[in-house]
Amino acid sequence: MALPAGASAGRLRLLTVPALLLLLSSAALLVFLLLPSLSPSSSSSSAASAHLCACSPPATTHTTTTVTTTTTTASPAPVTTSPADVAWLKAQLASNSLLRADGAAASHDAWHRLRKGINPRTREQQLFDINRHHGISHYPEEEASNHTALPCPGELLVEEHHSNYGEPWAGGRDVFEFLANASALTPRDQVLEIGCGTLRVGLHFIRYLDPGRFHCLERDELSLMAALRYELPAQGLLYKRPMIVRGEDMDFSKFGDTVMYDLIYASAVFLHIPDKLVWTGLERLAGKLRPQSGRIFVSHNIKFCSRLGGDECTRRLEKLGLEYLGKHTHDSLLFNHYEIWFEFRRPKV
């Protein structure tokens, strides 16, 4: 019996849809299986990669070597103020309308009138304020010691010790520049100052030298307090660990038996010491001065030597293994002043 036309069309659709799906699935599987063999670019790329891995050095090897061989070391700060430095500062003063022919205000009163809105304080007034008010903000007495790691006397805080010298405190920088240049000093060198006082000069050496390279023998208690309790912490130089020893009579034993100095200097110290004691000090230090390159500098005069007469002085120096090299002068950077220095060396072992 014949089927109706509508029923025949529906059964045809039921038979052809699954067949079509099966056909598409078979085609997709065939393409997937044949794709690797039909793609030469992929094959050549893999071969190239294998070739690089087998024959070429790693790409990072050269870069790593370059990094490790191009390290730089910071050079020490310049010792001397150069003409270019002076010219730069004068230009700054001129651009700010601060350059005067005499370098100062017309009078003492005019100088203080420049401080608009500020009440000029003498050191005495400042000390009174510190002792009475302890500054603008302060902890009460029972709490004061809990917040200050290194309590410092008010006399040091107002820097009274900066006036303990016959010339301005700034002259210490002049001395450092001259001695460092005259001795061809490097940060690794060992330096001894005989009578460093409150570190007017020594601060500059300590800052320049490597830690532990500055030694000082000082007899005055107030100077030692100013150096250790104020100057070193205030200047941020505690980490330099200078060896500052309280002593007199030219006793250098605490510095050790094996130390060798590249520079030994005495700034306005031998003037106040008996000649016999000066010679004692030179005798003890001659063997600690590095031969040839090491230097001893003495400021102002060498009456301990000249009072003996030229021949006798030379004979004594030779007996100690020392040689007098000559006299030098240097000018101050900031005020009208020059200083005289006498140079000695140890010519041979």
C-alpha atoms as a PDB file:
ATOM      1  CA  MET A   1       0.000   0.000   0.000  1.00  0.00           C
ATOM      2  CA  ALA A   2       1.425   3.362  -0.932  1.00  0.00           C
ATOM      3  CA  LEU A   3       2.238   5.895   1.720  1.00  0.00           C
ATOM      4  CA  PRO A   4       0.943   9.402   1.634  1.00  0.00           C
ATOM      5  CA  ALA A   5       3.326  11.981   0.171  1.00  0.00           C
ATOM      6  CA  GLY A   6       3.660  13.922   3.462  1.00  0.00           C
ATOM      7  CA  ALA A   7       4.666  10.852   5.450  1.00  0.00           C
ATOM      8  CA  SER A   8       7.269   9.895   2.829  1.00  0.00           C
ATOM      9  CA  ALA A   9       8.966  13.323   3.065  1.00  0.00           C
ATOM     10  CA  GLY A  10       9.135  13.161   6.915  1.00  0.00           C
ATOM     11  CA  ARG A  11      10.704   9.697   6.850  1.00  0.00           C
ATOM     12  CA  LEU A  12      13.273  10.978   4.309  1.00  0.00           C
ATOM     13  CA  ARG A  13      14.265  13.822   6.653  1.00  0.00           C
ATOM     14  CA  LEU A  14      14.687  11.355   9.561  1.00  0.00           C
ATOM     15  CA  LEU A  15      17.080   9.265   7.461  1.00  0.00           C
ATOM     16  CA  THR A  16      19.222  12.029   5.979  1.00  0.00           C
ATOM     17  CA  VAL A  17      19.999  14.181   9.084  1.00  0.00           C
ATOM     18  CA  PRO A  18      21.954  11.468  10.976  1.00  0.00           C
ATOM     19  CA  ALA A  19      23.751  10.559   7.834  1.00  0.00           C
ATOM     20  CA  LEU A  20      24.776  14.138   7.261  1.00  0.00           C
ATOM     21  CA  LEU A  21      26.117  14.472  10.821  1.00  0.00           C
ATOM     22  CA  LEU A  22      28.122  11.277  10.444  1.00  0.00           C
ATOM     23  CA  LEU A  23      29.580  12.513   7.188  1.00  0.00           C
ATOM     24  CA  LEU A  24      30.714  15.841   8.693  1.00  0.00           C
ATOM     25  CA  SER A  25      32.293  14.125  11.679  1.00  0.00           C
ATOM     26  CA  SER A  26      34.258  11.775   9.463  1.00  0.00           C
ATOM     27  CA  ALA A  27      35.502  14.665   7.353  1.00  0.00           C
ATOM     28  CA  ALA A  28      36.684  16.634  10.407  1.00  0.00           C
ATOM     29  CA  LEU A  29      38.571  13.615  11.758  1.00  0.00           C
ATOM     30  CA  LEU A  30      40.249  13.082   8.413  1.00  0.00           C
ATOM     31  CA  VAL A  31      41.434  16.705   8.216  1.00  0.00           C
ATOM     32  CA  PHE A  32      42.784  16.544  11.797  1.00  0.00           C
ATOM     33  CA  LEU A  33      44.819  13.422  11.001  1.00  0.00           C
ATOM     34  CA  LEU A  34      46.203  14.771   7.763  1.00  0.00           C
ATOM     35  CA  LEU A  35      47.085  18.325   9.008  1.00  0.00           C
ATOM     36  CA  PRO A  36      50.622  17.633  10.522  1.00  0.00           C
ATOM     37  CA  SER A  37      51.845  15.972   7.360  1.00  0.00           C
ATOM     38  CA  LEU A  38      50.479  18.823   5.234  1.00  0.00           C
ATOM     39  CA  SER A  39      52.287  21.604   7.288  1.00  0.00           C
ATOM     40  CA  PRO A  40      56.015  21.843   6.338  1.00  0.00           C
ATOM     41  CA  SER A  41      56.516  25.168   8.122  1.00  0.00           C
ATOM     42  CA  SER A  42      55.882  23.561  11.500  1.00  0.00           C
ATOM     43  CA  SER A  43      58.378  20.820  10.784  1.00  0.00           C
ATOM     44  CA  SER A  44      61.123  23.207   9.676  1.00  0.00           C
ATOM     45  CA  SER A  45      60.547  25.431  12.724  1.00  0.00           C
ATOM     46  CA  SER A  46      61.027  22.494  15.066  1.00  0.00           C
ATOM     47  CA  ALA A  47      64.199  21.546  13.285  1.00  0.00           C
ATOM     48  CA  ALA A  48      65.529  25.085  13.528  1.00  0.00           C
ATOM     49  CA  SER A  49      64.815  25.166  17.246  1.00  0.00           C
ATOM     50  CA  ALA A  50      66.642  21.887  17.721  1.00  0.00           C
ATOM     51  CA  HIS A  51      69.593  23.291  15.739  1.00  0.00           C
ATOM     52  CA  LEU A  52      69.834  26.406  17.948  1.00  0.00           C
ATOM     53  CA  CYS A  53      69.651  24.416  21.155  1.00  0.00           C
ATOM     54  CA  ALA A  54      72.359  22.051  19.969  1.00  0.00           C
ATOM     55  CA  CYS A  55      74.834  24.501  18.444  1.00  0.00           C
ATOM     56  CA  SER A  56      74.337  28.071  19.691  1.00  0.00           C
ATOM     57  CA  PRO A  57      75.411  29.346  23.166  1.00  0.00           C
ATOM     58  CA  PRO A  58      72.682  30.645  25.484  1.00  0.00           C
ATOM     59  CA  ALA A  59      71.617  34.167  24.583  1.00  0.00           C
ATOM     60  CA  THR A  60      72.078  35.407  28.186  1.00  0.00           C
ATOM     61  CA  THR A  61      75.712  34.347  28.600  1.00  0.00           C
ATOM     62  CA  HIS A  62      77.226  37.470  27.034  1.00  0.00           C
ATOM     63  CA  THR A  63      74.848  39.799  28.902  1.00  0.00           C
ATOM     64  CA  THR A  64      75.682  38.267  32.263  1.00  0.00           C
ATOM     65  CA  THR A  65      79.421  38.636  31.641  1.00  0.00           C
ATOM     66  CA  THR A  66      78.995  42.266  30.645  1.00  0.00           C
ATOM     67  CA  VAL A  67      77.107  43.129  33.822  1.00  0.00           C
ATOM     68  CA  THR A  68      79.706  41.586  36.116  1.00  0.00           C
ATOM     69  CA  THR A  69      82.639  43.321  34.432  1.00  0.00           C
ATOM     70  CA  THR A  70      81.262  46.869  34.278  1.00  0.00           C
ATOM     71  CA  THR A  71      80.933  47.602  38.002  1.00  0.00           C
ATOM     72  CA  THR A  72      82.086  51.090  39.030  1.00  0.00           C
ATOM     73  CA  THR A  73      83.524  52.444  42.278  1.00  0.00           C
ATOM     74  CA  ALA A  74      82.619  55.904  43.521  1.00  0.00           C
ATOM     75  CA  SER A  75      85.616  58.236  43.690  1.00  0.00           C
ATOM     76  CA  PRO A  76      86.321  60.145  46.910  1.00  0.00           C
ATOM     77  CA  ALA A  77      85.090  63.699  47.237  1.00  0.00           C
ATOM     78  CA  PRO A  78      87.497  66.410  46.035  1.00  0.00           C
ATOM     79  CA  VAL A  79      89.910  67.669  48.683  1.00  0.00           C
ATOM     80  CA  THR A  80      90.499  71.179  47.374  1.00  0.00           C
ATOM     81  CA  THR A  81      88.081  73.974  46.518  1.00  0.00           C
ATOM     82  CA  SER A  82      88.734  74.584  42.826  1.00  0.00           C
ATOM     83  CA  PRO A  83      88.650  77.905  40.922  1.00  0.00           C
ATOM     84  CA  ALA A  84      85.509  76.600  39.214  1.00  0.00           C
ATOM     85  CA  ASP A  85      83.899  76.112  42.639  1.00  0.00           C
ATOM     86  CA  VAL A  86      84.739  79.689  43.622  1.00  0.00           C
ATOM     87  CA  ALA A  87      83.397  81.066  40.346  1.00  0.00           C
ATOM     88  CA  TRP A  88      80.167  79.090  40.761  1.00  0.00           C
ATOM     89  CA  LEU A  89      79.602  80.415  44.286  1.00  0.00           C
ATOM     90  CA  LYS A  90      80.257  84.016  43.252  1.00  0.00           C
ATOM     91  CA  ALA A  91      77.723  83.602  40.451  1.00  0.00           C
ATOM     92  CA  GLN A  92      75.159  82.316  42.969  1.00  0.00           C
ATOM     93  CA  LEU A  93      75.784  85.270  45.276  1.00  0.00           C
ATOM     94  CA  ALA A  94      75.492  87.728  42.404  1.00  0.00           C
ATOM     95  CA  SER A  95      72.281  86.183  41.075  1.00  0.00           C
ATOM     96  CA  ASN A  96      70.739  86.528  44.536  1.00  0.00           C
ATOM     97  CA  SER A  97      72.053  90.085  45.019  1.00  0.00           C
ATOM     98  CA  LEU A  98      74.273  88.982  47.910  1.00  0.00           C
ATOM     99  CA  LEU A  99      77.715  89.864  46.541  1.00  0.00           C
ATOM    100  CA  ARG A 100      79.439  92.811  48.213  1.00  0.00           C
ATOM    101  CA  ALA A 101      82.914  94.088  47.593  1.00  0.00           C
ATOM    102  CA  ASP A 102      83.957  93.602  51.230  1.00  0.00           C
ATOM    103  CA  GLY A 103      82.030  90.364  51.690  1.00  0.00           C
ATOM    104  CA  ALA A 104      80.132  91.683  54.741  1.00  0.00           C
ATOM    105  CA  ALA A 105      77.452  94.154  55.800  1.00  0.00           C
ATOM    106  CA  ALA A 106      78.331  97.817  56.310  1.00  0.00           C
ATOM    107  CA  SER A 107      78.335  97.559  60.100  1.00  0.00           C
ATOM    108  CA  HIS A 108      77.603  95.157  62.945  1.00  0.00           C
ATOM    109  CA  ASP A 109      74.146  96.675  63.473  1.00  0.00           C
ATOM    110  CA  ALA A 110      73.387  96.588  59.761  1.00  0.00           C
ATOM    111  CA  TRP A 111      74.372  92.934  59.689  1.00  0.00           C
ATOM    112  CA  HIS A 112      71.842  92.064  62.371  1.00  0.00           C
ATOM    113  CA  ARG A 113      69.145  94.172  60.712  1.00  0.00           C
ATOM    114  CA  LEU A 114      69.347  91.767  57.801  1.00  0.00           C
ATOM    115  CA  ARG A 115      67.729  89.121  60.013  1.00  0.00           C
ATOM    116  CA  LYS A 116      64.168  90.251  59.462  1.00  0.00           C
ATOM    117  CA  GLY A 117      61.717  88.603  61.809  1.00  0.00           C
ATOM    118  CA  ILE A 118      64.478  86.831  63.765  1.00  0.00           C
ATOM    119  CA  ASN A 119      65.739  87.905  67.156  1.00  0.00           C
ATOM    120  CA  PRO A 120      69.545  87.571  67.108  1.00  0.00           C
ATOM    121  CA  ARG A 121      70.739  85.500  70.062  1.00  0.00           C
ATOM    122  CA  THR A 122      74.188  85.429  71.540  1.00  0.00           C
ATOM    123  CA  ARG A 123      75.566  82.094  72.688  1.00  0.00           C
ATOM    124  CA  GLU A 124      74.987  83.172  76.271  1.00  0.00           C
ATOM    125  CA  GLN A 125      71.325  83.952  75.586  1.00  0.00           C
ATOM    126  CA  GLN A 126      70.892  80.736  73.677  1.00  0.00           C
ATOM    127  CA  LEU A 127      72.401  78.735  76.539  1.00  0.00           C
ATOM    128  CA  PHE A 128      70.028  80.423  78.988  1.00  0.00           C
ATOM    129  CA  ASP A 129      67.063  79.461  76.817  1.00  0.00           C
ATOM    130  CA  ILE A 130      68.229  75.848  76.572  1.00  0.00           C
ATOM    131  CA  ASN A 131      68.754  75.513  80.321  1.00  0.00           C
ATOM    132  CA  ARG A 132      65.466  77.203  81.197  1.00  0.00           C
ATOM    133  CA  HIS A 133      63.081  76.150  78.444  1.00  0.00           C
ATOM    134  CA  HIS A 134      64.880  73.133  76.944  1.00  0.00           C
ATOM    135  CA  GLY A 135      63.758  74.215  73.502  1.00  0.00           C
ATOM    136  CA  ILE A 136      60.292  74.960  72.165  1.00  0.00           C
ATOM    137  CA  SER A 137      58.998  71.450  72.867  1.00  0.00           C
ATOM    138  CA  HIS A 138      60.501  69.207  75.495  1.00  0.00           C
ATOM    139  CA  TYR A 139      59.740  66.248  77.738  1.00  0.00           C
ATOM    140  CA  PRO A 140      59.321  66.833  81.479  1.00  0.00           C
ATOM    141  CA  GLU A 141      62.309  66.073  83.677  1.00  0.00           C
ATOM    142  CA  GLU A 142      61.201  62.553  84.614  1.00  0.00           C
ATOM    143  CA  GLU A 143      60.839  61.650  80.908  1.00  0.00           C
ATOM    144  CA  ALA A 144      63.841  63.514  79.514  1.00  0.00           C
ATOM    145  CA  SER A 145      66.322  60.648  79.838  1.00  0.00           C
ATOM    146  CA  ASN A 146      63.943  58.221  78.101  1.00  0.00           C
ATOM    147  CA  HIS A 147      64.000  60.046  74.768  1.00  0.00           C
ATOM    148  CA  THR A 148      67.562  61.355  74.343  1.00  0.00           C
ATOM    149  CA  ALA A 149      70.156  58.744  73.461  1.00  0.00           C
ATOM    150  CA  LEU A 150      73.194  60.983  73.958  1.00  0.00           C
ATOM    151  CA  PRO A 151      72.397  63.876  76.350  1.00  0.00           C
ATOM    152  CA  CYS A 152      74.777  66.746  75.619  1.00  0.00           C
ATOM    153  CA  PRO A 153      75.698  69.714  77.867  1.00  0.00           C
ATOM    154  CA  GLY A 154      74.139  72.998  76.802  1.00  0.00           C
ATOM    155  CA  GLU A 155      77.563  74.647  76.532  1.00  0.00           C
ATOM    156  CA  LEU A 156      78.407  72.223  73.747  1.00  0.00           C
ATOM    157  CA  LEU A 157      75.023  72.570  72.044  1.00  0.00           C
ATOM    158  CA  VAL A 158      75.551  76.328  71.623  1.00  0.00           C
ATOM    159  CA  GLU A 159      79.065  75.593  70.339  1.00  0.00           C
ATOM    160  CA  GLU A 160      81.012  77.668  72.828  1.00  0.00           C
ATOM    161  CA  HIS A 161      84.031  75.520  72.011  1.00  0.00           C
ATOM    162  CA  HIS A 162      84.104  76.943  68.474  1.00  0.00           C
ATOM    163  CA  SER A 163      85.468  80.138  70.028  1.00  0.00           C
ATOM    164  CA  ASN A 164      88.360  78.402  71.796  1.00  0.00           C
ATOM    165  CA  TYR A 165      90.756  79.166  68.960  1.00  0.00           C
ATOM    166  CA  GLY A 166      92.713  82.209  67.897  1.00  0.00           C
ATOM    167  CA  GLU A 167      91.102  82.120  64.466  1.00  0.00           C
ATOM    168  CA  PRO A 168      87.653  81.202  63.091  1.00  0.00           C
ATOM    169  CA  TRP A 169      86.434  77.633  63.295  1.00  0.00           C
ATOM    170  CA  ALA A 170      86.284  77.580  59.480  1.00  0.00           C
ATOM    171  CA  GLY A 171      90.095  77.625  59.385  1.00  0.00           C
ATOM    172  CA  GLY A 172      90.065  73.901  60.106  1.00  0.00           C
ATOM    173  CA  ARG A 173      89.038  73.227  56.523  1.00  0.00           C
ATOM    174  CA  ASP A 174      92.013  75.247  55.240  1.00  0.00           C
ATOM    175  CA  VAL A 175      94.409  73.112  57.280  1.00  0.00           C
ATOM    176  CA  PHE A 176      92.855  69.895  56.009  1.00  0.00           C
ATOM    177  CA  GLU A 177      93.055  70.946  52.365  1.00  0.00           C
ATOM    178  CA  PHE A 178      96.715  71.911  52.641  1.00  0.00           C
ATOM    179  CA  LEU A 179      97.836  68.797  54.524  1.00  0.00           C
ATOM    180  CA  ALA A 180      95.811  66.368  52.403  1.00  0.00           C
ATOM    181  CA  ASN A 181      97.260  67.782  49.189  1.00  0.00           C
ATOM    182  CA  ALA A 182     100.807  68.150  50.481  1.00  0.00           C
ATOM    183  CA  SER A 183     100.880  64.515  51.621  1.00  0.00           C
ATOM    184  CA  ALA A 184      98.971  63.121  48.599  1.00  0.00           C
ATOM    185  CA  LEU A 185      96.502  61.616  51.062  1.00  0.00           C
ATOM    186  CA  THR A 186      94.087  58.830  50.102  1.00  0.00           C
ATOM    187  CA  PRO A 187      91.087  57.536  52.105  1.00  0.00           C
ATOM    188  CA  ARG A 188      93.005  54.342  52.946  1.00  0.00           C
ATOM    189  CA  ASP A 189      95.905  56.197  54.612  1.00  0.00           C
ATOM    190  CA  GLN A 190      96.532  56.297  58.367  1.00  0.00           C
ATOM    191  CA  VAL A 191      96.642  59.729  60.025  1.00  0.00           C
ATOM    192  CA  LEU A 192      97.704  60.869  63.503  1.00  0.00           C
ATOM    193  CA  GLU A 193      96.980  64.321  64.904  1.00  0.00           C
ATOM    194  CA  ILE A 194      98.928  65.364  67.985  1.00  0.00           C
ATOM    195  CA  GLY A 195      96.488  67.495  69.980  1.00  0.00           C
ATOM    196  CA  CYS A 196      93.277  67.360  67.924  1.00  0.00           C
ATOM    197  CA  GLY A 197      91.359  69.548  70.395  1.00  0.00           C
ATOM    198  CA  THR A 198      87.677  69.771  69.557  1.00  0.00           C
ATOM    199  CA  LEU A 199      88.248  68.373  66.031  1.00  0.00           C
ATOM    200  CA  ARG A 200      88.294  71.709  64.232  1.00  0.00           C
ATOM    201  CA  VAL A 201      90.671  70.094  61.733  1.00  0.00           C
ATOM    202  CA  GLY A 202      90.102  66.450  62.574  1.00  0.00           C
ATOM    203  CA  LEU A 203      86.447  66.425  61.484  1.00  0.00           C
ATOM    204  CA  HIS A 204      87.497  66.926  57.879  1.00  0.00           C
ATOM    205  CA  PHE A 205      90.053  64.111  58.027  1.00  0.00           C
ATOM    206  CA  ILE A 206      87.573  61.759  59.701  1.00  0.00           C
ATOM    207  CA  ARG A 207      84.965  62.476  57.022  1.00  0.00           C
ATOM    208  CA  TYR A 208      87.469  61.887  54.209  1.00  0.00           C
ATOM    209  CA  LEU A 209      89.285  58.822  55.543  1.00  0.00           C
ATOM    210  CA  ASP A 210      88.026  55.260  55.720  1.00  0.00           C
ATOM    211  CA  PRO A 211      86.659  54.135  59.120  1.00  0.00           C
ATOM    212  CA  GLY A 212      89.277  53.723  61.830  1.00  0.00           C
ATOM    213  CA  ARG A 213      91.995  55.578  59.904  1.00  0.00           C
ATOM    214  CA  PHE A 214      92.167  58.688  62.115  1.00  0.00           C
ATOM    215  CA  HIS A 215      94.045  58.677  65.428  1.00  0.00           C
ATOM    216  CA  CYS A 216      94.392  61.518  67.911  1.00  0.00           C
ATOM    217  CA  LEU A 217      96.184  62.103  71.212  1.00  0.00           C
ATOM    218  CA  GLU A 218      94.587  64.893  73.288  1.00  0.00           C
ATOM    219  CA  ARG A 219      95.130  65.860  76.934  1.00  0.00           C
ATOM    220  CA  ASP A 220      92.377  68.473  77.496  1.00  0.00           C
ATOM    221  CA  GLU A 221      89.159  67.142  79.043  1.00  0.00           C
ATOM    222  CA  LEU A 222      86.858  69.878  77.703  1.00  0.00           C
ATOM    223  CA  SER A 223      88.181  69.421  74.185  1.00  0.00           C
ATOM    224  CA  LEU A 224      87.623  65.673  74.374  1.00  0.00           C
ATOM    225  CA  MET A 225      84.060  66.180  75.597  1.00  0.00           C
ATOM    226  CA  ALA A 226      83.334  68.573  72.735  1.00  0.00           C
ATOM    227  CA  ALA A 227      84.828  66.161  70.208  1.00  0.00           C
ATOM    228  CA  LEU A 228      83.145  62.992  71.437  1.00  0.00           C
ATOM    229  CA  ARG A 229      79.857  64.226  72.910  1.00  0.00           C
ATOM    230  CA  TYR A 230      78.981  66.868  70.325  1.00  0.00           C
ATOM    231  CA  GLU A 231      81.027  67.072  67.119  1.00  0.00           C
ATOM    232  CA  LEU A 232      81.113  63.408  66.099  1.00  0.00           C
ATOM    233  CA  PRO A 233      77.392  62.684  66.689  1.00  0.00           C
ATOM    234  CA  ALA A 234      76.258  66.094  65.395  1.00  0.00           C
ATOM    235  CA  GLN A 235      78.249  65.625  62.181  1.00  0.00           C
ATOM    236  CA  GLY A 236      77.011  62.061  61.674  1.00  0.00           C
ATOM    237  CA  LEU A 237      80.542  60.643  61.917  1.00  0.00           C
ATOM    238  CA  LEU A 238      80.216  58.079  64.694  1.00  0.00           C
ATOM    239  CA  TYR A 239      80.338  55.278  62.105  1.00  0.00           C
ATOM    240  CA  LYS A 240      83.879  56.343  61.128  1.00  0.00           C
ATOM    241  CA  ARG A 241      85.155  55.057  64.514  1.00  0.00           C
ATOM    242  CA  PRO A 242      88.128  57.430  64.969  1.00  0.00           C
ATOM    243  CA  MET A 243      90.512  56.459  67.776  1.00  0.00           C
ATOM    244  CA  ILE A 244      90.717  59.470  70.088  1.00  0.00           C
ATOM    245  CA  VAL A 245      92.824  58.842  73.181  1.00  0.00           C
ATOM    246  CA  ARG A 246      93.180  60.945  76.303  1.00  0.00           C
ATOM    247  CA  GLY A 247      96.836  61.182  77.226  1.00  0.00           C
ATOM    248  CA  GLU A 248      99.856  63.401  77.599  1.00  0.00           C
ATOM    249  CA  ASP A 249     103.656  63.311  77.710  1.00  0.00           C
ATOM    250  CA  MET A 250     103.703  62.041  74.120  1.00  0.00           C
ATOM    251  CA  ASP A 251     102.521  58.569  75.086  1.00  0.00           C
ATOM    252  CA  PHE A 252     101.309  56.896  71.887  1.00  0.00           C
ATOM    253  CA  SER A 253     101.334  53.321  73.208  1.00  0.00           C
ATOM    254  CA  LYS A 254      97.531  52.926  73.111  1.00  0.00           C
ATOM    255  CA  PHE A 255      97.561  53.120  69.322  1.00  0.00           C
ATOM    256  CA  GLY A 256      99.483  49.866  69.080  1.00  0.00           C
ATOM    257  CA  ASP A 257     102.991  48.762  68.181  1.00  0.00           C
ATOM    258  CA  THR A 258     102.425  47.880  64.525  1.00  0.00           C
ATOM    259  CA  VAL A 259     100.594  50.952  63.230  1.00  0.00           C
ATOM    260  CA  MET A 260     102.314  52.893  60.420  1.00  0.00           C
ATOM    261  CA  TYR A 261     101.290  56.468  59.675  1.00  0.00           C
ATOM    262  CA  ASP A 262     101.151  58.157  56.287  1.00  0.00           C
ATOM    263  CA  LEU A 263     100.631  61.577  57.862  1.00  0.00           C
ATOM    264  CA  ILE A 264     101.430  62.924  61.341  1.00  0.00           C
ATOM    265  CA  TYR A 265     100.702  66.561  62.082  1.00  0.00           C
ATOM    266  CA  ALA A 266     100.654  69.014  64.987  1.00  0.00           C
ATOM    267  CA  SER A 267      98.735  72.267  64.469  1.00  0.00           C
ATOM    268  CA  ALA A 268      99.803  74.992  66.929  1.00  0.00           C
ATOM    269  CA  VAL A 269     100.618  72.341  69.548  1.00  0.00           C
ATOM    270  CA  PHE A 270     104.419  72.229  69.801  1.00  0.00           C
ATOM    271  CA  LEU A 271     104.315  75.941  70.691  1.00  0.00           C
ATOM    272  CA  HIS A 272     102.964  75.001  74.114  1.00  0.00           C
ATOM    273  CA  ILE A 273     105.160  71.964  74.831  1.00  0.00           C
ATOM    274  CA  PRO A 274     108.689  71.991  76.262  1.00  0.00           C
ATOM    275  CA  ASP A 275     111.354  71.336  73.629  1.00  0.00           C
ATOM    276  CA  LYS A 276     112.564  68.210  75.418  1.00  0.00           C
ATOM    277  CA  LEU A 277     109.078  66.673  75.272  1.00  0.00           C
ATOM    278  CA  VAL A 278     108.764  67.504  71.562  1.00  0.00           C
ATOM    279  CA  TRP A 279     111.955  65.588  70.844  1.00  0.00           C
ATOM    280  CA  THR A 280     110.656  62.702  72.952  1.00  0.00           C
ATOM    281  CA  GLY A 281     107.535  62.595  70.819  1.00  0.00           C
ATOM    282  CA  LEU A 282     109.521  62.666  67.566  1.00  0.00           C
ATOM    283  CA  GLU A 283     111.714  59.858  68.823  1.00  0.00           C
ATOM    284  CA  ARG A 284     108.677  57.686  69.566  1.00  0.00           C
ATOM    285  CA  LEU A 285     106.976  58.455  66.262  1.00  0.00           C
ATOM    286  CA  ALA A 286     109.900  58.320  63.820  1.00  0.00           C
ATOM    287  CA  GLY A 287     109.720  54.546  63.532  1.00  0.00           C
ATOM    288  CA  LYS A 288     105.935  54.695  62.983  1.00  0.00           C
ATOM    289  CA  LEU A 289     106.183  57.015  59.964  1.00  0.00           C
ATOM    290  CA  ARG A 290     105.978  55.217  56.625  1.00  0.00           C
ATOM    291  CA  PRO A 291     109.388  55.468  54.901  1.00  0.00           C
ATOM    292  CA  GLN A 292     109.709  57.761  51.895  1.00  0.00           C
ATOM    293  CA  SER A 293     106.028  58.597  51.387  1.00  0.00           C
ATOM    294  CA  GLY A 294     105.054  59.372  54.996  1.00  0.00           C
ATOM    295  CA  ARG A 295     105.136  62.972  56.193  1.00  0.00           C
ATOM    296  CA  ILE A 296     105.281  64.935  59.463  1.00  0.00           C
ATOM    297  CA  PHE A 297     103.980  68.515  59.399  1.00  0.00           C
ATOM    298  CA  VAL A 298     104.433  71.043  62.228  1.00  0.00           C
ATOM    299  CA  SER A 299     102.748  74.467  62.110  1.00  0.00           C
ATOM    300  CA  HIS A 300     103.829  77.998  63.042  1.00  0.00           C
ATOM    301  CA  ASN A 301     107.482  77.403  63.943  1.00  0.00           C
ATOM    302  CA  ILE A 302     110.013  74.752  64.881  1.00  0.00           C
ATOM    303  CA  LYS A 303     111.772  76.551  67.700  1.00  0.00           C
ATOM    304  CA  PHE A 304     112.328  73.186  69.343  1.00  0.00           C
ATOM    305  CA  CYS A 305     114.775  72.700  66.480  1.00  0.00           C
ATOM    306  CA  SER A 306     116.026  76.189  65.633  1.00  0.00           C
ATOM    307  CA  ARG A 307     116.949  76.959  69.247  1.00  0.00           C
ATOM    308  CA  LEU A 308     119.540  74.194  69.024  1.00  0.00           C
ATOM    309  CA  GLY A 309     121.226  75.700  65.998  1.00  0.00           C
ATOM    310  CA  GLY A 310     121.092  74.411  62.444  1.00  0.00           C
ATOM    311  CA  ASP A 311     123.843  71.806  62.656  1.00  0.00           C
ATOM    312  CA  GLU A 312     122.701  70.373  65.970  1.00  0.00           C
ATOM    313  CA  CYS A 313     119.082  70.186  64.785  1.00  0.00           C
ATOM    314  CA  THR A 314     120.113  68.366  61.611  1.00  0.00           C
ATOM    315  CA  ARG A 315     122.252  65.951  63.621  1.00  0.00           C
ATOM    316  CA  ARG A 316     119.382  65.116  65.982  1.00  0.00           C
ATOM    317  CA  LEU A 317     116.964  64.605  63.119  1.00  0.00           C
ATOM    318  CA  GLU A 318     119.390  62.284  61.360  1.00  0.00           C
ATOM    319  CA  LYS A 319     119.825  60.301  64.551  1.00  0.00           C
ATOM    320  CA  LEU A 320     116.045  59.753  64.586  1.00  0.00           C
ATOM    321  CA  GLY A 321     116.039  58.845  60.910  1.00  0.00           C
ATOM    322  CA  LEU A 322     114.178  62.042  59.928  1.00  0.00           C
ATOM    323  CA  GLU A 323     114.901  64.649  57.286  1.00  0.00           C
ATOM    324  CA  TYR A 324     113.739  68.271  57.102  1.00  0.00           C
ATOM    325  CA  LEU A 325     112.226  69.028  53.683  1.00  0.00           C
ATOM    326  CA  GLY A 326     111.229  72.679  53.876  1.00  0.00           C
ATOM    327  CA  LYS A 327     108.748  75.393  54.791  1.00  0.00           C
ATOM    328  CA  HIS A 328     105.300  75.981  53.249  1.00  0.00           C
ATOM    329  CA  THR A 329     102.513  78.530  53.543  1.00  0.00           C
ATOM    330  CA  HIS A 330      98.852  78.311  52.608  1.00  0.00           C
ATOM    331  CA  ASP A 331      96.055  80.871  52.464  1.00  0.00           C
ATOM    332  CA  SER A 332      92.613  80.713  54.015  1.00  0.00           C
ATOM    333  CA  LEU A 333      89.578  80.382  51.785  1.00  0.00           C
ATOM    334  CA  LEU A 334      87.202  82.504  53.894  1.00  0.00           C
ATOM    335  CA  PHE A 335      89.237  85.104  55.789  1.00  0.00           C
ATOM    336  CA  ASN A 336      92.496  87.060  55.587  1.00  0.00           C
ATOM    337  CA  HIS A 337      94.951  84.584  57.028  1.00  0.00           C
ATOM    338  CA  TYR A 338      97.846  82.345  56.060  1.00  0.00           C
ATOM    339  CA  GLU A 339      99.570  79.577  57.970  1.00  0.00           C
ATOM    340  CA  ILE A 340     103.136  78.280  58.003  1.00  0.00           C
ATOM    341  CA  TRP A 341     104.028  74.591  57.984  1.00  0.00           C
ATOM    342  CA  PHE A 342     107.345  72.725  58.270  1.00  0.00           C
ATOM    343  CA  GLU A 343     107.688  69.352  56.547  1.00  0.00           C
ATOM    344  CA  PHE A 344     109.711  66.275  57.573  1.00  0.00           C
ATOM    345  CA  ARG A 345     109.981  62.746  56.245  1.00  0.00           C
ATOM    346  CA  ARG A 346     111.678  59.429  56.987  1.00  0.00           C
ATOM    347  CA  PRO A 347     113.959  58.925  53.955  1.00  0.00           C
ATOM    348  CA  LYS A 348     114.670  55.237  54.514  1.00  0.00           C
ATOM    349  CA  VAL A 349     113.913  52.305  56.782  1.00  0.00           C
END
